[in-house]
Protein backbone atom coordinates (compact mmCIF):
# COMPACT_ATOMS: atom_id res chain seq x y z
CA MET A 1 4.51 -5.83 -22.01
CA SER A 2 3.15 -8.39 -19.50
CA LYS A 3 0.57 -6.95 -16.82
CA LEU A 4 1.73 -4.99 -13.98
CA LYS A 5 1.58 -7.05 -10.40
CA ILE A 6 -0.05 -4.52 -8.11
CA ALA A 7 -0.24 -5.25 -4.23
CA VAL A 8 -3.02 -4.17 -2.18
CA ILE A 9 -1.32 -3.90 1.33
CA CYS A 10 -3.60 -4.11 4.31
CA GLY A 11 -1.33 -1.78 6.57
CA SER A 12 -2.98 -2.54 9.75
CA THR A 13 -2.39 -4.93 12.41
CA ARG A 14 -4.72 -4.10 15.52
CA PRO A 15 -7.57 -6.62 16.59
CA GLY A 16 -10.53 -5.70 15.36
CA ARG A 17 -9.20 -3.70 12.75
CA ASN A 18 -11.23 -2.22 9.66
CA GLY A 19 -8.45 -2.40 7.45
CA ALA A 20 -8.88 -5.91 6.47
CA ALA A 21 -12.64 -5.26 5.14
CA VAL A 22 -11.19 -2.17 3.42
CA ALA A 23 -8.44 -3.87 1.76
CA LYS A 24 -10.54 -6.82 0.83
CA TRP A 25 -13.02 -4.49 -0.82
CA ILE A 26 -10.34 -2.65 -2.70
CA TYR A 27 -8.93 -6.06 -3.99
CA GLU A 28 -12.52 -7.07 -5.14
CA VAL A 29 -12.89 -3.67 -6.91
CA ALA A 30 -9.61 -4.29 -8.29
CA GLN A 31 -10.24 -7.80 -9.55
CA LYS A 32 -12.98 -6.44 -11.97
CA ARG A 33 -10.34 -4.67 -14.09
CA ASN A 34 -8.51 -6.83 -16.84
CA ASP A 35 -5.30 -4.21 -17.13
CA ALA A 36 -3.45 -5.23 -14.19
CA GLU A 37 -2.96 -8.14 -11.67
CA PHE A 38 -3.56 -7.63 -8.26
CA GLU A 39 -2.65 -9.36 -5.05
CA LEU A 40 -3.92 -8.94 -1.40
CA VAL A 41 -0.83 -8.42 1.14
CA ASP A 42 -1.92 -8.26 4.68
CA ILE A 43 1.23 -7.09 6.68
CA GLN A 44 -0.11 -9.22 9.53
CA ASP A 45 0.83 -12.30 7.79
CA TYR A 46 4.35 -11.49 8.02
CA HIS A 47 4.75 -11.18 11.91
CA LEU A 48 7.39 -8.52 11.55
CA PRO A 49 8.62 -7.46 14.69
CA MET A 50 9.74 -3.74 15.27
CA LEU A 51 12.56 -3.51 12.86
CA ASP A 52 15.42 -5.63 14.01
CA GLU A 53 17.92 -5.68 11.15
CA GLN A 54 21.41 -4.68 12.08
CA LEU A 55 22.29 -3.04 8.90
CA PRO A 56 20.38 -0.25 7.27
CA PRO A 57 18.02 -1.66 4.56
CA SER A 58 19.45 0.73 1.93
CA MET A 59 22.45 -1.84 1.93
CA GLY A 60 20.17 -4.91 0.88
CA GLN A 61 21.89 -7.06 3.48
CA TYR A 62 18.93 -8.58 5.16
CA SER A 63 19.73 -11.19 7.95
CA GLN A 64 16.20 -12.18 9.37
CA PRO A 65 13.96 -14.92 7.87
CA HIS A 66 10.89 -12.59 8.30
CA THR A 67 12.72 -9.52 6.71
CA LYS A 68 13.86 -11.79 3.48
CA ALA A 69 10.40 -13.39 3.20
CA TRP A 70 8.72 -9.64 3.36
CA ALA A 71 11.53 -8.45 0.70
CA ALA A 72 10.68 -11.45 -1.65
CA LYS A 73 7.31 -10.56 -1.56
CA ILE A 74 7.58 -6.77 -1.86
CA GLY A 75 10.27 -7.26 -4.43
CA SER A 76 7.98 -9.23 -6.62
CA PHE A 77 5.47 -5.90 -7.39
CA ASP A 78 5.58 -3.28 -9.73
CA ALA A 79 3.24 -1.08 -7.85
CA PHE A 80 1.02 -0.76 -4.74
CA VAL A 81 -1.97 0.29 -3.11
CA PHE A 82 -1.45 1.00 0.53
CA VAL A 83 -4.63 0.67 2.84
CA THR A 84 -4.02 2.64 6.05
CA PRO A 85 -6.01 3.65 8.98
CA GLU A 86 -5.44 7.17 10.61
CA TYR A 87 -4.07 7.36 13.97
CA ASN A 88 -3.24 10.60 15.87
CA HIS A 89 -3.00 12.58 12.36
CA GLY A 90 -0.67 9.64 10.76
CA THR A 91 -0.50 6.45 9.55
CA CYS A 92 -0.18 3.53 12.03
CA GLY A 93 3.01 2.21 13.62
CA ALA A 94 2.50 -1.40 11.74
CA LEU A 95 2.62 -0.02 8.31
CA LYS A 96 5.45 2.21 8.81
CA ASN A 97 7.70 -0.44 10.19
CA ALA A 98 6.65 -2.86 7.39
CA ILE A 99 7.65 0.01 5.25
CA ASP A 100 11.08 0.57 7.07
CA PHE A 101 12.28 -2.85 7.11
CA LEU A 102 12.85 -2.52 3.10
CA PHE A 103 14.61 -0.29 0.64
CA LYS A 104 15.31 -1.49 -3.22
CA GLU A 105 12.31 -3.28 -3.02
CA TRP A 106 10.23 -0.25 -2.92
CA ASN A 107 12.37 1.83 -5.54
CA ASP A 108 11.26 3.06 -9.02
CA LYS A 109 7.52 1.73 -8.33
CA ALA A 110 4.28 3.57 -8.02
CA ALA A 111 1.84 4.00 -5.06
CA GLY A 112 -1.55 4.85 -4.61
CA PHE A 113 -3.51 5.06 -1.25
CA VAL A 114 -6.83 4.51 0.39
CA GLY A 115 -7.15 6.38 3.86
CA TYR A 116 -9.79 5.71 6.31
CA GLY A 117 -10.69 7.45 9.52
CA GLY A 118 -12.71 10.36 11.21
CA SER A 119 -11.46 12.69 8.30
CA GLY A 120 -10.97 10.21 5.72
CA GLY A 121 -7.56 9.13 6.38
CA VAL A 122 -6.20 12.29 4.63
CA ARG A 123 -3.45 13.04 6.98
CA ALA A 124 -2.16 9.27 7.38
CA VAL A 125 -1.93 9.33 3.48
CA GLU A 126 0.06 12.66 3.75
CA SER A 127 2.41 11.29 6.17
CA LEU A 128 3.00 8.11 3.75
CA ARG A 129 3.64 10.48 0.50
CA LEU A 130 6.60 12.04 2.43
CA VAL A 131 7.99 8.39 3.04
CA MET A 132 7.23 7.23 -0.55
CA GLY A 133 9.77 9.98 -1.86
CA GLU A 134 12.47 9.12 0.42
CA LEU A 135 12.08 5.50 -0.95
CA LYS A 136 11.99 6.40 -4.50
CA VAL A 137 8.37 5.70 -4.96
CA ALA A 138 6.20 7.94 -7.43
CA ASP A 139 2.77 8.60 -5.73
CA VAL A 140 -0.04 9.18 -7.45
CA ARG A 141 -2.56 12.12 -7.10
CA ALA A 142 -5.72 10.26 -6.75
CA GLN A 143 -6.54 8.67 -3.66
CA VAL A 144 -9.66 6.87 -1.82
CA GLN A 145 -10.83 8.73 1.25
CA LEU A 146 -13.05 6.35 3.64
CA SER A 147 -14.72 8.32 6.42
CA LEU A 148 -15.84 6.29 9.87
CA PHE A 149 -18.83 8.60 9.88
CA THR A 150 -20.34 7.79 6.26
CA ASP A 151 -18.39 4.43 5.02
CA PHE A 152 -19.06 2.59 8.05
CA GLU A 153 -22.04 1.53 10.13
CA LYS A 154 -21.27 2.01 13.85
CA PHE A 155 -17.81 3.01 13.29
CA SER A 156 -17.01 -0.77 12.49
CA ILE A 157 -19.14 -2.29 9.63
CA PHE A 158 -17.58 -1.29 6.36
CA LYS A 159 -20.41 0.15 3.90
CA PRO A 160 -18.80 2.16 1.35
CA GLY A 161 -20.60 5.24 -0.38
CA PRO A 162 -22.00 4.82 -3.94
CA THR A 163 -19.27 6.97 -5.55
CA LYS A 164 -16.28 5.30 -3.76
CA GLU A 165 -15.91 2.64 -6.35
CA LYS A 166 -15.31 5.19 -9.02
CA SER A 167 -12.67 6.95 -6.66
CA VAL A 168 -10.87 3.40 -6.33
CA ASN A 169 -10.68 3.12 -10.33
CA ASP A 170 -9.49 6.83 -10.54
CA MET A 171 -6.82 5.73 -8.30
CA LEU A 172 -6.16 2.47 -10.01
CA ASP A 173 -5.86 4.04 -13.13
CA GLU A 174 -3.02 6.53 -12.19
CA VAL A 175 -1.16 3.51 -10.31
CA ILE A 176 -1.23 1.43 -13.60
CA ARG A 177 -0.12 4.13 -15.86
CA TRP A 178 2.96 5.18 -13.47
CA GLY A 179 3.78 1.56 -12.52
CA ALA A 180 3.98 0.95 -16.82
CA ALA A 181 5.97 3.84 -17.01
CA LEU A 182 8.43 3.06 -13.77
CA LYS A 183 8.61 -0.66 -14.99
CA ASN A 184 10.23 0.67 -18.25
CA VAL A 185 12.79 2.67 -16.27
CA ARG A 186 13.77 -0.52 -14.14
CA GLU A 187 13.90 -2.40 -17.38
CA ALA A 188 15.99 0.33 -18.85
CA VAL A 189 18.47 0.60 -15.72
CA ALA A 190 18.94 -3.32 -15.68
CA VAL A 191 20.23 -3.69 -19.04
């Protein structure tokens, strides 16, 4: 079997965001592995407006060029690692909007989560887990929790604690196992 393709998705678009540094670090940790291919995907690069498709994403009839480009990118992956800030006990609107643009491109794939915020982004991740279920994405149990108090200097300079790289690799181990299993499912259905 060819190596899985896994997207590390930076889910924040806010000016001065911490997410870019976190996603870059996750990608660098992942690059040390040889059991999958990783790509850093920043939703900011896709300039997605608020969802502007006339038809529901589940119909797969995208009309906007930005949606088609986003669908092609997401459809090319076997699994995902979502890097999300926690805003008001949930994920940020930009990431939720980017997810909502698509449907089948997410289906039968695996996802892991990296949350950051005052309480490690755990509530943002919990809100994403609910969304993943509806999109037929298998989310893994292991997750990375980064605290603004202990993993960031002055709440803005990312300096992950010494145990955090292990938690990234634990999460990636699960994403790769589930991603491989679901790739087999997608290939069996395609036959």
